[in-house]
Amino acid sequence: MLLAPVTQAQNVITTDGTFIENQTFEGMVQVRAHNVTLRNCTFNSGPLAPNWYGVTNVYNNEDGTPKSTNFRLENCTIRGGTTGVYVQYATVIGCDIQETGKDAIKIATGGNCMIRNNYVARIGLQVGAHADALQSVGASHVFVIGNHFDIPVSFADANGYLSNACIILQSQVAEIHDWYIWGNHFEGGSYTVYIRDKDHPNYPGIQPPYRIRMNGNTFGTDYRYGVFNWDSSPTIQVNFNVWEDGSPMEINTWDNWPQW
């Protein structure tokens, strides 16, 4: 079902309210319009192709306002792209993302995303890639709920993939705050979840991540160094998480959780 035109040669969507269903795209898809929905689509980009993303809506006007908000990517299959999905002001729900050159999902500085019920596996096909299931170097107001990020280190090492982190949040180009990470299954990574500041000379004075809740998740043990690595902050809450066998993790920070 196709309810608005797409420039097929370039896979560029510029009409507000576009709804596309059951279509296969070859090469990067660029969403440059508001209220766009792509449902039950397949995106084939190739992990080593020159296209940087499988699908993205991260484009801004000259005044800095986003060209695309309320973007919805639903029940889609993404194969390839240096990064599979790069979004802001978006919902990514029920997607299967695999065979990427580097990362599966990246959240841009606009933030304001719902990442829910997605499956990520077999990423990091480019030599030397820091392959993350979900990465952001600056974004706020993001929900990460009910996903299955399956990038075990032993499988990656044995089969030509890479596994850096299931979630890596580094406040490098913008602040990272108000992330809600609930009910996910995480397996793999050098550190499975990595939340830290990263000073960059072009972006001075950005504070470390804050106001992050990571509760009720399940963790596997096939990681390289550890399950968590994060900057100490009383506003980073890590509670009620369990190992995949159901036993509780001995990391709980609720005594330090402030009211905000």
C-alpha atoms as a PDB file:
ATOM      1  CA  MET A   1       0.000   0.000   0.000  1.00  0.00           C
ATOM      2  CA  LEU A   2       1.538   3.294  -1.099  1.00  0.00           C
ATOM      3  CA  LEU A   3      -0.348   6.467  -0.218  1.00  0.00           C
ATOM      4  CA  ALA A   4       2.213   9.091  -1.234  1.00  0.00           C
ATOM      5  CA  PRO A   5       4.949   9.281  -3.858  1.00  0.00           C
ATOM      6  CA  VAL A   6       8.562   8.382  -3.216  1.00  0.00           C
ATOM      7  CA  THR A   7      11.461   9.420  -5.410  1.00  0.00           C
ATOM      8  CA  GLN A   8      12.474   5.854  -6.197  1.00  0.00           C
ATOM      9  CA  ALA A   9      15.875   6.616  -7.693  1.00  0.00           C
ATOM     10  CA  GLN A  10      17.026   8.215  -4.473  1.00  0.00           C
ATOM     11  CA  ASN A  11      14.538   6.771  -1.944  1.00  0.00           C
ATOM     12  CA  VAL A  12      13.708  10.260  -0.669  1.00  0.00           C
ATOM     13  CA  ILE A  13      10.385  10.967   1.062  1.00  0.00           C
ATOM     14  CA  THR A  14       9.446  14.663   1.126  1.00  0.00           C
ATOM     15  CA  THR A  15       5.642  14.632   1.440  1.00  0.00           C
ATOM     16  CA  ASP A  16       4.156  15.098   4.926  1.00  0.00           C
ATOM     17  CA  GLY A  17       1.837  12.295   5.961  1.00  0.00           C
ATOM     18  CA  THR A  18       3.343   9.675   3.643  1.00  0.00           C
ATOM     19  CA  PHE A  19       2.271   6.123   4.498  1.00  0.00           C
ATOM     20  CA  ILE A  20       4.114   3.236   2.837  1.00  0.00           C
ATOM     21  CA  GLU A  21       3.437  -0.424   3.496  1.00  0.00           C
ATOM     22  CA  ASN A  22       4.869  -3.712   2.167  1.00  0.00           C
ATOM     23  CA  GLN A  23       7.571  -2.195  -0.004  1.00  0.00           C
ATOM     24  CA  THR A  24      11.203  -3.211  -0.532  1.00  0.00           C
ATOM     25  CA  PHE A  25      13.841  -0.492  -0.767  1.00  0.00           C
ATOM     26  CA  GLU A  26      17.339  -0.944  -2.149  1.00  0.00           C
ATOM     27  CA  GLY A  27      19.810   1.624  -0.829  1.00  0.00           C
ATOM     28  CA  MET A  28      19.438   4.279   1.850  1.00  0.00           C
ATOM     29  CA  VAL A  29      15.970   5.707   2.536  1.00  0.00           C
ATOM     30  CA  GLN A  30      15.840   9.398   3.480  1.00  0.00           C
ATOM     31  CA  VAL A  31      12.770  10.695   5.297  1.00  0.00           C
ATOM     32  CA  ARG A  32      12.556  14.491   5.000  1.00  0.00           C
ATOM     33  CA  ALA A  33       8.910  15.028   5.939  1.00  0.00           C
ATOM     34  CA  HIS A  34       6.657  14.995   8.984  1.00  0.00           C
ATOM     35  CA  ASN A  35       4.222  12.279  10.072  1.00  0.00           C
ATOM     36  CA  VAL A  36       5.699   9.581   7.822  1.00  0.00           C
ATOM     37  CA  THR A  37       4.959   5.908   8.504  1.00  0.00           C
ATOM     38  CA  LEU A  38       6.852   2.999   6.955  1.00  0.00           C
ATOM     39  CA  ARG A  39       5.241  -0.313   7.887  1.00  0.00           C
ATOM     40  CA  ASN A  40       6.133  -3.904   6.996  1.00  0.00           C
ATOM     41  CA  CYS A  41       8.867  -2.723   4.649  1.00  0.00           C
ATOM     42  CA  THR A  42      12.264  -4.224   3.844  1.00  0.00           C
ATOM     43  CA  PHE A  43      15.426  -2.143   3.546  1.00  0.00           C
ATOM     44  CA  ASN A  44      18.436  -3.672   1.794  1.00  0.00           C
ATOM     45  CA  SER A  45      21.515  -1.498   1.827  1.00  0.00           C
ATOM     46  CA  GLY A  46      24.474  -3.836   2.193  1.00  0.00           C
ATOM     47  CA  PRO A  47      26.850  -3.451   5.157  1.00  0.00           C
ATOM     48  CA  LEU A  48      29.773  -2.237   3.061  1.00  0.00           C
ATOM     49  CA  ALA A  49      27.773  -0.034   0.679  1.00  0.00           C
ATOM     50  CA  PRO A  50      28.573   3.696   0.486  1.00  0.00           C
ATOM     51  CA  ASN A  51      25.154   4.459   1.963  1.00  0.00           C
ATOM     52  CA  TRP A  52      25.712   5.357   5.586  1.00  0.00           C
ATOM     53  CA  TYR A  53      22.246   4.354   6.866  1.00  0.00           C
ATOM     54  CA  GLY A  54      19.568   1.872   5.963  1.00  0.00           C
ATOM     55  CA  VAL A  55      16.880   4.439   6.825  1.00  0.00           C
ATOM     56  CA  THR A  56      17.144   7.869   8.460  1.00  0.00           C
ATOM     57  CA  ASN A  57      15.049  10.951   9.195  1.00  0.00           C
ATOM     58  CA  VAL A  58      17.870  13.064  10.662  1.00  0.00           C
ATOM     59  CA  TYR A  59      17.705  16.208   8.540  1.00  0.00           C
ATOM     60  CA  ASN A  60      17.356  19.776   9.819  1.00  0.00           C
ATOM     61  CA  ASN A  61      16.373  23.084   8.275  1.00  0.00           C
ATOM     62  CA  GLU A  62      18.767  26.031   8.195  1.00  0.00           C
ATOM     63  CA  ASP A  63      17.292  27.344  11.460  1.00  0.00           C
ATOM     64  CA  GLY A  64      17.981  24.008  13.146  1.00  0.00           C
ATOM     65  CA  THR A  65      14.395  22.788  13.251  1.00  0.00           C
ATOM     66  CA  PRO A  66      13.876  19.176  12.154  1.00  0.00           C
ATOM     67  CA  LYS A  67      12.572  18.393   8.698  1.00  0.00           C
ATOM     68  CA  SER A  68      11.030  15.186  10.017  1.00  0.00           C
ATOM     69  CA  THR A  69       9.081  14.628  13.233  1.00  0.00           C
ATOM     70  CA  ASN A  70       6.647  11.923  14.296  1.00  0.00           C
ATOM     71  CA  PHE A  71       8.366   9.391  12.044  1.00  0.00           C
ATOM     72  CA  ARG A  72       7.199   5.816  12.586  1.00  0.00           C
ATOM     73  CA  LEU A  73       9.147   2.738  11.458  1.00  0.00           C
ATOM     74  CA  GLU A  74       7.028  -0.294  12.235  1.00  0.00           C
ATOM     75  CA  ASN A  75       7.547  -4.054  11.779  1.00  0.00           C
ATOM     76  CA  CYS A  76      10.272  -3.535   9.195  1.00  0.00           C
ATOM     77  CA  THR A  77      13.292  -5.614   8.217  1.00  0.00           C
ATOM     78  CA  ILE A  78      16.596  -3.769   7.909  1.00  0.00           C
ATOM     79  CA  ARG A  79      19.613  -5.461   6.385  1.00  0.00           C
ATOM     80  CA  GLY A  80      22.794  -3.470   5.953  1.00  0.00           C
ATOM     81  CA  GLY A  81      23.771   0.132   6.077  1.00  0.00           C
ATOM     82  CA  THR A  82      26.850   1.236   7.917  1.00  0.00           C
ATOM     83  CA  THR A  83      24.209   1.945  10.561  1.00  0.00           C
ATOM     84  CA  GLY A  84      20.806   0.351  10.110  1.00  0.00           C
ATOM     85  CA  VAL A  85      18.512   3.047  11.573  1.00  0.00           C
ATOM     86  CA  TYR A  86      19.424   6.662  12.446  1.00  0.00           C
ATOM     87  CA  VAL A  87      16.545   8.666  13.927  1.00  0.00           C
ATOM     88  CA  GLN A  88      15.234  11.506  16.047  1.00  0.00           C
ATOM     89  CA  TYR A  89      11.623  12.419  16.882  1.00  0.00           C
ATOM     90  CA  ALA A  90      10.691   8.874  15.936  1.00  0.00           C
ATOM     91  CA  THR A  91       9.153   5.564  16.946  1.00  0.00           C
ATOM     92  CA  VAL A  92      10.960   2.393  15.918  1.00  0.00           C
ATOM     93  CA  ILE A  93       8.852  -0.591  16.864  1.00  0.00           C
ATOM     94  CA  GLY A  94       8.907  -4.286  16.042  1.00  0.00           C
ATOM     95  CA  CYS A  95      11.816  -4.112  13.595  1.00  0.00           C
ATOM     96  CA  ASP A  96      14.433  -6.758  12.806  1.00  0.00           C
ATOM     97  CA  ILE A  97      17.864  -5.177  12.281  1.00  0.00           C
ATOM     98  CA  GLN A  98      20.864  -7.272  11.252  1.00  0.00           C
ATOM     99  CA  GLU A  99      23.972  -7.435   9.036  1.00  0.00           C
ATOM    100  CA  THR A 100      25.012  -3.811   9.541  1.00  0.00           C
ATOM    101  CA  GLY A 101      28.530  -2.535   9.024  1.00  0.00           C
ATOM    102  CA  LYS A 102      28.664  -0.891  12.453  1.00  0.00           C
ATOM    103  CA  ASP A 103      25.677   0.000  14.647  1.00  0.00           C
ATOM    104  CA  ALA A 104      22.086  -1.150  14.478  1.00  0.00           C
ATOM    105  CA  ILE A 105      20.325   1.975  15.852  1.00  0.00           C
ATOM    106  CA  LYS A 106      21.614   5.488  16.465  1.00  0.00           C
ATOM    107  CA  ILE A 107      19.669   8.281  18.175  1.00  0.00           C
ATOM    108  CA  ALA A 108      20.527  11.797  16.968  1.00  0.00           C
ATOM    109  CA  THR A 109      20.670  14.943  19.098  1.00  0.00           C
ATOM    110  CA  GLY A 110      16.973  15.667  18.587  1.00  0.00           C
ATOM    111  CA  GLY A 111      16.172  12.641  20.734  1.00  0.00           C
ATOM    112  CA  ASN A 112      12.478  12.195  21.598  1.00  0.00           C
ATOM    113  CA  CYS A 113      12.297   8.568  20.478  1.00  0.00           C
ATOM    114  CA  MET A 114      10.479   5.377  21.370  1.00  0.00           C
ATOM    115  CA  ILE A 115      12.592   2.275  20.621  1.00  0.00           C
ATOM    116  CA  ARG A 116      10.353  -0.686  21.378  1.00  0.00           C
ATOM    117  CA  ASN A 117      10.129  -4.430  20.759  1.00  0.00           C
ATOM    118  CA  ASN A 118      12.940  -4.553  18.209  1.00  0.00           C
ATOM    119  CA  TYR A 119      15.369  -7.395  17.542  1.00  0.00           C
ATOM    120  CA  VAL A 120      19.043  -6.732  16.844  1.00  0.00           C
ATOM    121  CA  ALA A 121      21.644  -9.395  15.996  1.00  0.00           C
ATOM    122  CA  ARG A 122      24.751 -10.015  13.858  1.00  0.00           C
ATOM    123  CA  ILE A 123      26.093  -6.476  13.569  1.00  0.00           C
ATOM    124  CA  GLY A 124      29.588  -5.074  13.034  1.00  0.00           C
ATOM    125  CA  LEU A 125      30.744  -6.408   9.681  1.00  0.00           C
ATOM    126  CA  GLN A 126      33.182  -3.562   9.007  1.00  0.00           C
ATOM    127  CA  VAL A 127      36.748  -4.095  10.162  1.00  0.00           C
ATOM    128  CA  GLY A 128      37.441  -2.211  13.395  1.00  0.00           C
ATOM    129  CA  ALA A 129      33.823  -1.172  13.940  1.00  0.00           C
ATOM    130  CA  HIS A 130      32.637  -0.317  17.432  1.00  0.00           C
ATOM    131  CA  ALA A 131      29.407  -2.172  16.841  1.00  0.00           C
ATOM    132  CA  ASP A 132      26.558  -1.186  19.146  1.00  0.00           C
ATOM    133  CA  ALA A 133      22.956  -2.342  19.139  1.00  0.00           C
ATOM    134  CA  LEU A 134      21.938   1.178  20.198  1.00  0.00           C
ATOM    135  CA  GLN A 135      24.191   4.238  20.351  1.00  0.00           C
ATOM    136  CA  SER A 136      23.847   7.918  21.114  1.00  0.00           C
ATOM    137  CA  VAL A 137      26.431  10.667  21.620  1.00  0.00           C
ATOM    138  CA  GLY A 138      23.808  13.194  22.666  1.00  0.00           C
ATOM    139  CA  ALA A 139      20.017  12.913  22.957  1.00  0.00           C
ATOM    140  CA  SER A 140      17.272  13.227  25.544  1.00  0.00           C
ATOM    141  CA  HIS A 141      13.767  11.912  26.200  1.00  0.00           C
ATOM    142  CA  VAL A 142      14.195   8.397  24.852  1.00  0.00           C
ATOM    143  CA  PHE A 143      12.311   5.226  25.807  1.00  0.00           C
ATOM    144  CA  VAL A 144      13.995   1.851  25.198  1.00  0.00           C
ATOM    145  CA  ILE A 145      11.428  -0.815  26.043  1.00  0.00           C
ATOM    146  CA  GLY A 146      11.020  -4.531  25.385  1.00  0.00           C
ATOM    147  CA  ASN A 147      13.849  -4.926  22.872  1.00  0.00           C
ATOM    148  CA  HIS A 148      16.036  -7.993  22.352  1.00  0.00           C
ATOM    149  CA  PHE A 149      19.614  -6.973  21.656  1.00  0.00           C
ATOM    150  CA  ASP A 150      21.409 -10.231  20.903  1.00  0.00           C
ATOM    151  CA  ILE A 151      25.099  -9.634  20.165  1.00  0.00           C
ATOM    152  CA  PRO A 152      26.984 -12.261  22.237  1.00  0.00           C
ATOM    153  CA  VAL A 153      30.743 -11.844  22.125  1.00  0.00           C
ATOM    154  CA  SER A 154      31.531 -15.531  21.553  1.00  0.00           C
ATOM    155  CA  PHE A 155      29.276 -15.702  18.498  1.00  0.00           C
ATOM    156  CA  ALA A 156      30.633 -12.437  17.107  1.00  0.00           C
ATOM    157  CA  ASP A 157      34.238 -13.500  17.531  1.00  0.00           C
ATOM    158  CA  ALA A 158      33.645 -16.866  15.869  1.00  0.00           C
ATOM    159  CA  ASN A 159      31.622 -15.614  12.906  1.00  0.00           C
ATOM    160  CA  GLY A 160      33.175 -12.393  11.637  1.00  0.00           C
ATOM    161  CA  TYR A 161      30.997  -9.912  13.542  1.00  0.00           C
ATOM    162  CA  LEU A 162      31.840  -7.346  16.221  1.00  0.00           C
ATOM    163  CA  SER A 163      30.166  -6.630  19.551  1.00  0.00           C
ATOM    164  CA  ASN A 164      30.938  -3.417  21.455  1.00  0.00           C
ATOM    165  CA  ALA A 165      27.798  -2.684  23.527  1.00  0.00           C
ATOM    166  CA  CYS A 166      24.081  -3.352  23.606  1.00  0.00           C
ATOM    167  CA  ILE A 167      23.606   0.276  24.687  1.00  0.00           C
ATOM    168  CA  ILE A 168      26.282   2.952  24.670  1.00  0.00           C
ATOM    169  CA  LEU A 169      25.424   6.502  25.758  1.00  0.00           C
ATOM    170  CA  GLN A 170      28.217   9.070  25.662  1.00  0.00           C
ATOM    171  CA  SER A 171      27.525  12.762  26.202  1.00  0.00           C
ATOM    172  CA  GLN A 172      29.835  14.030  23.485  1.00  0.00           C
ATOM    173  CA  VAL A 173      28.008  16.447  21.155  1.00  0.00           C
ATOM    174  CA  ALA A 174      24.949  17.123  23.348  1.00  0.00           C
ATOM    175  CA  GLU A 175      23.575  16.236  26.766  1.00  0.00           C
ATOM    176  CA  ILE A 176      22.156  12.792  27.450  1.00  0.00           C
ATOM    177  CA  HIS A 177      19.293  12.749  29.932  1.00  0.00           C
ATOM    178  CA  ASP A 178      15.829  11.374  30.560  1.00  0.00           C
ATOM    179  CA  TRP A 179      16.342   7.884  29.165  1.00  0.00           C
ATOM    180  CA  TYR A 180      13.993   5.124  30.341  1.00  0.00           C
ATOM    181  CA  ILE A 181      15.359   1.624  29.710  1.00  0.00           C
ATOM    182  CA  TRP A 182      12.838  -1.025  30.785  1.00  0.00           C
ATOM    183  CA  GLY A 183      12.081  -4.673  30.149  1.00  0.00           C
ATOM    184  CA  ASN A 184      14.753  -5.397  27.548  1.00  0.00           C
ATOM    185  CA  HIS A 185      16.912  -8.482  27.010  1.00  0.00           C
ATOM    186  CA  PHE A 186      20.595  -7.677  26.565  1.00  0.00           C
ATOM    187  CA  GLU A 187      23.359 -10.093  25.583  1.00  0.00           C
ATOM    188  CA  GLY A 188      26.909  -9.195  24.577  1.00  0.00           C
ATOM    189  CA  GLY A 189      29.279  -6.278  24.265  1.00  0.00           C
ATOM    190  CA  SER A 190      32.646  -5.495  25.772  1.00  0.00           C
ATOM    191  CA  TYR A 191      30.447  -3.826  28.378  1.00  0.00           C
ATOM    192  CA  THR A 192      26.796  -4.648  27.818  1.00  0.00           C
ATOM    193  CA  VAL A 193      25.628  -1.177  28.911  1.00  0.00           C
ATOM    194  CA  TYR A 194      28.076   1.752  28.833  1.00  0.00           C
ATOM    195  CA  ILE A 195      26.985   5.200  30.052  1.00  0.00           C
ATOM    196  CA  ARG A 196      29.707   7.832  30.330  1.00  0.00           C
ATOM    197  CA  ASP A 197      30.808  11.335  29.467  1.00  0.00           C
ATOM    198  CA  LYS A 198      33.153  11.748  26.509  1.00  0.00           C
ATOM    199  CA  ASP A 199      34.954  15.074  26.296  1.00  0.00           C
ATOM    200  CA  HIS A 200      35.263  16.466  22.808  1.00  0.00           C
ATOM    201  CA  PRO A 201      37.249  19.657  22.073  1.00  0.00           C
ATOM    202  CA  ASN A 202      34.560  20.921  19.685  1.00  0.00           C
ATOM    203  CA  TYR A 203      31.802  20.523  22.290  1.00  0.00           C
ATOM    204  CA  PRO A 204      33.135  21.790  25.626  1.00  0.00           C
ATOM    205  CA  GLY A 205      31.188  21.909  28.872  1.00  0.00           C
ATOM    206  CA  ILE A 206      28.705  19.098  28.246  1.00  0.00           C
ATOM    207  CA  GLN A 207      27.906  17.370  31.514  1.00  0.00           C
ATOM    208  CA  PRO A 208      27.897  13.592  31.982  1.00  0.00           C
ATOM    209  CA  PRO A 209      24.677  11.620  31.386  1.00  0.00           C
ATOM    210  CA  TYR A 210      21.974  12.128  34.013  1.00  0.00           C
ATOM    211  CA  ARG A 211      18.378  11.161  34.807  1.00  0.00           C
ATOM    212  CA  ILE A 212      18.531   7.655  33.411  1.00  0.00           C
ATOM    213  CA  ARG A 213      16.378   4.791  34.691  1.00  0.00           C
ATOM    214  CA  MET A 214      17.401   1.253  33.802  1.00  0.00           C
ATOM    215  CA  ASN A 215      14.976  -1.115  35.486  1.00  0.00           C
ATOM    216  CA  GLY A 216      13.546  -4.589  34.971  1.00  0.00           C
ATOM    217  CA  ASN A 217      15.910  -5.719  32.213  1.00  0.00           C
ATOM    218  CA  THR A 218      17.348  -9.199  31.665  1.00  0.00           C
ATOM    219  CA  PHE A 219      21.066  -9.685  31.034  1.00  0.00           C
ATOM    220  CA  GLY A 220      23.019 -12.543  29.530  1.00  0.00           C
ATOM    221  CA  THR A 221      26.590 -13.351  30.514  1.00  0.00           C
ATOM    222  CA  ASP A 222      28.304 -13.554  27.109  1.00  0.00           C
ATOM    223  CA  TYR A 223      30.126 -10.207  27.396  1.00  0.00           C
ATOM    224  CA  ARG A 224      33.844  -9.418  27.319  1.00  0.00           C
ATOM    225  CA  TYR A 225      34.559  -7.272  30.403  1.00  0.00           C
ATOM    226  CA  GLY A 226      31.385  -6.596  32.348  1.00  0.00           C
ATOM    227  CA  VAL A 227      27.685  -5.950  32.283  1.00  0.00           C
ATOM    228  CA  PHE A 228      27.743  -2.254  33.339  1.00  0.00           C
ATOM    229  CA  ASN A 229      30.159   0.641  33.044  1.00  0.00           C
ATOM    230  CA  TRP A 230      28.748   4.042  33.963  1.00  0.00           C
ATOM    231  CA  ASP A 231      29.629   7.424  35.435  1.00  0.00           C
ATOM    232  CA  SER A 232      28.677   7.727  39.061  1.00  0.00           C
ATOM    233  CA  SER A 233      25.576   9.882  39.330  1.00  0.00           C
ATOM    234  CA  PRO A 234      22.739   9.859  41.861  1.00  0.00           C
ATOM    235  CA  THR A 235      20.305  10.311  38.982  1.00  0.00           C
ATOM    236  CA  ILE A 236      21.313   7.112  37.168  1.00  0.00           C
ATOM    237  CA  GLN A 237      19.024   4.442  38.601  1.00  0.00           C
ATOM    238  CA  VAL A 238      19.853   0.762  38.059  1.00  0.00           C
ATOM    239  CA  ASN A 239      17.283  -1.445  39.783  1.00  0.00           C
ATOM    240  CA  PHE A 240      15.415  -4.748  39.648  1.00  0.00           C
ATOM    241  CA  ASN A 241      17.407  -6.185  36.756  1.00  0.00           C
ATOM    242  CA  VAL A 242      17.945  -9.949  36.526  1.00  0.00           C
ATOM    243  CA  TRP A 243      20.255 -12.459  34.885  1.00  0.00           C
ATOM    244  CA  GLU A 244      18.810 -14.638  32.139  1.00  0.00           C
ATOM    245  CA  ASP A 245      18.370 -17.522  34.613  1.00  0.00           C
ATOM    246  CA  GLY A 246      16.025 -15.309  36.632  1.00  0.00           C
ATOM    247  CA  SER A 247      18.385 -14.601  39.520  1.00  0.00           C
ATOM    248  CA  PRO A 248      18.524 -10.955  40.655  1.00  0.00           C
ATOM    249  CA  MET A 249      21.519  -8.790  39.851  1.00  0.00           C
ATOM    250  CA  GLU A 250      23.333  -7.424  42.875  1.00  0.00           C
ATOM    251  CA  ILE A 251      23.318  -3.883  41.528  1.00  0.00           C
ATOM    252  CA  ASN A 252      20.655  -1.627  42.995  1.00  0.00           C
ATOM    253  CA  THR A 253      20.959   2.131  43.372  1.00  0.00           C
ATOM    254  CA  TRP A 254      17.497   2.971  44.634  1.00  0.00           C
ATOM    255  CA  ASP A 255      18.776   4.298  47.985  1.00  0.00           C
ATOM    256  CA  ASN A 256      20.481   7.119  46.099  1.00  0.00           C
ATOM    257  CA  TRP A 257      17.569   7.943  43.815  1.00  0.00           C
ATOM    258  CA  PRO A 258      16.462  11.584  44.279  1.00  0.00           C
ATOM    259  CA  GLN A 259      13.058  13.070  43.642  1.00  0.00           C
ATOM    260  CA  TRP A 260      13.057  15.002  40.382  1.00  0.00           C
END
